[in-house]
C-alpha atoms as a PDB file:
ATOM      1  CA  MET A   1       8.871 -26.290   2.151  1.00  0.00           C
ATOM      2  CA  ALA A   2       8.800 -25.877   5.911  1.00  0.00           C
ATOM      3  CA  LYS A   3       5.995 -23.851   7.466  1.00  0.00           C
ATOM      4  CA  ILE A   4       8.440 -21.229   8.792  1.00  0.00           C
ATOM      5  CA  ASP A   5       9.932 -20.731   5.320  1.00  0.00           C
ATOM      6  CA  GLU A   6       6.482 -20.395   3.790  1.00  0.00           C
ATOM      7  CA  ILE A   7       5.515 -17.684   6.278  1.00  0.00           C
ATOM      8  CA  LYS A   8       8.793 -15.845   5.696  1.00  0.00           C
ATOM      9  CA  GLU A   9       8.168 -15.891   1.933  1.00  0.00           C
ATOM     10  CA  ARG A  10       4.654 -14.544   2.395  1.00  0.00           C
ATOM     11  CA  ILE A  11       5.963 -11.734   4.601  1.00  0.00           C
ATOM     12  CA  SER A  12       8.649 -10.916   2.043  1.00  0.00           C
ATOM     13  CA  TYR A  13       6.101 -10.851  -0.782  1.00  0.00           C
ATOM     14  CA  LEU A  14       3.741  -8.624   1.191  1.00  0.00           C
ATOM     15  CA  LYS A  15       6.564  -6.248   2.137  1.00  0.00           C
ATOM     16  CA  ASN A  16       7.550  -5.858  -1.515  1.00  0.00           C
ATOM     17  CA  PHE A  17       3.929  -5.299  -2.499  1.00  0.00           C
ATOM     18  CA  LEU A  18       3.555  -2.719   0.285  1.00  0.00           C
ATOM     19  CA  THR A  19       6.637  -0.885  -0.980  1.00  0.00           C
ATOM     20  CA  LEU A  20       5.122  -0.646  -4.467  1.00  0.00           C
ATOM     21  CA  MET A  21       1.818   0.557  -3.046  1.00  0.00           C
ATOM     22  CA  ILE A  22       3.500   3.268  -0.973  1.00  0.00           C
ATOM     23  CA  GLY A  23       5.380   4.400  -4.073  1.00  0.00           C
ATOM     24  CA  ALA A  24       2.115   4.600  -5.998  1.00  0.00           C
ATOM     25  CA  VAL A  25       0.559   6.610  -3.164  1.00  0.00           C
ATOM     26  CA  VAL A  26       3.448   9.087  -3.157  1.00  0.00           C
ATOM     27  CA  VAL A  27       3.334   9.546  -6.944  1.00  0.00           C
ATOM     28  CA  THR A  28      -0.443   9.943  -6.948  1.00  0.00           C
ATOM     29  CA  ILE A  29      -0.346  12.459  -4.099  1.00  0.00           C
ATOM     30  CA  GLY A  30       2.250  14.409  -6.060  1.00  0.00           C
ATOM     31  CA  GLY A  31      -0.037  14.509  -9.079  1.00  0.00           C
ATOM     32  CA  VAL A  32      -3.050  15.545  -6.999  1.00  0.00           C
ATOM     33  CA  VAL A  33      -1.088  18.328  -5.284  1.00  0.00           C
ATOM     34  CA  ASN A  34       0.193  19.503  -8.658  1.00  0.00           C
ATOM     35  CA  LEU A  35      -3.371  19.711  -9.954  1.00  0.00           C
ATOM     36  CA  LEU A  36      -4.452  21.540  -6.810  1.00  0.00           C
ATOM     37  CA  LEU A  37      -1.661  24.112  -7.036  1.00  0.00           C
ATOM     38  CA  SER A  38      -2.305  24.746 -10.712  1.00  0.00           C
ATOM     39  CA  GLY A  39      -6.003  25.271 -10.002  1.00  0.00           C
ATOM     40  CA  LYS A  40      -7.157  22.411 -12.215  1.00  0.00           C
ATOM     41  CA  ILE A  41      -9.672  20.923  -9.830  1.00  0.00           C
ATOM     42  CA  GLY A  42     -11.796  18.755 -12.062  1.00  0.00           C
ATOM     43  CA  VAL A  43     -12.653  15.132 -12.601  1.00  0.00           C
ATOM     44  CA  VAL A  44      -9.015  14.031 -12.759  1.00  0.00           C
ATOM     45  CA  PHE A  45      -8.308  15.695  -9.403  1.00  0.00           C
ATOM     46  CA  TRP A  46     -11.213  13.933  -7.692  1.00  0.00           C
ATOM     47  CA  VAL A  47     -10.368  10.579  -9.270  1.00  0.00           C
ATOM     48  CA  GLY A  48      -6.771  10.995  -8.103  1.00  0.00           C
ATOM     49  CA  LEU A  49      -7.956  11.798  -4.595  1.00  0.00           C
ATOM     50  CA  LEU A  50     -10.163   8.703  -4.611  1.00  0.00           C
ATOM     51  CA  VAL A  51      -7.245   6.586  -5.834  1.00  0.00           C
ATOM     52  CA  VAL A  52      -5.096   7.891  -2.962  1.00  0.00           C
ATOM     53  CA  ILE A  53      -7.785   6.949  -0.441  1.00  0.00           C
ATOM     54  CA  VAL A  54      -8.206   3.463  -1.917  1.00  0.00           C
ATOM     55  CA  LEU A  55      -4.438   2.867  -2.045  1.00  0.00           C
ATOM     56  CA  VAL A  56      -3.967   3.981   1.561  1.00  0.00           C
ATOM     57  CA  TYR A  57      -6.779   1.656   2.670  1.00  0.00           C
ATOM     58  CA  ALA A  58      -5.250  -1.214   0.691  1.00  0.00           C
ATOM     59  CA  ALA A  59      -1.810  -0.501   2.189  1.00  0.00           C
ATOM     60  CA  LEU A  60      -3.292  -0.639   5.678  1.00  0.00           C
ATOM     61  CA  ARG A  61      -4.900  -3.993   4.845  1.00  0.00           C
ATOM     62  CA  VAL A  62      -1.541  -5.317   3.622  1.00  0.00           C
ATOM     63  CA  MET A  63       0.088  -4.141   6.864  1.00  0.00           C
ATOM     64  CA  ILE A  64      -2.559  -6.035   8.836  1.00  0.00           C
ATOM     65  CA  GLN A  65      -1.766  -9.172   6.822  1.00  0.00           C
ATOM     66  CA  ILE A  66       1.942  -8.732   7.537  1.00  0.00           C
ATOM     67  CA  GLU A  67       1.187  -8.448  11.258  1.00  0.00           C
ATOM     68  CA  LYS A  68      -0.871 -11.654  11.161  1.00  0.00           C
ATOM     69  CA  HIS A  69       1.962 -13.529   9.480  1.00  0.00           C
ATOM     70  CA  LEU A  70       4.482 -12.118  11.959  1.00  0.00           C
ATOM     71  CA  LYS A  71       2.339 -13.383  14.834  1.00  0.00           C
ATOM     72  CA  LYS A  72       2.194 -16.833  13.224  1.00  0.00           C
ATOM     73  CA  LEU A  73       5.954 -16.728  12.798  1.00  0.00           C
ATOM     74  CA  GLY A  74       6.396 -15.846  16.459  1.00  0.00           C
ATOM     75  CA  GLU A  75       4.266 -18.812  17.488  1.00  0.00           C
ATOM     76  CA  LEU A  76       6.462 -21.279  15.616  1.00  0.00           C
END
């Protein structure tokens, strides 16, 4: 497989993974907001909030990886 094709596949994989992560963030935020509005602020609420923070951080890391691969692709 040519180097350019390999980089394109990695970018495609990371984009799909990022899409799934963003979906998980949206669903988790919805659950956390639902708990907040219903006044059920307990352990599940705080765990959900922590999960949102971790997922957002992970999504940002994936975006950085995509940028690195795009730069490599531009150099080829």
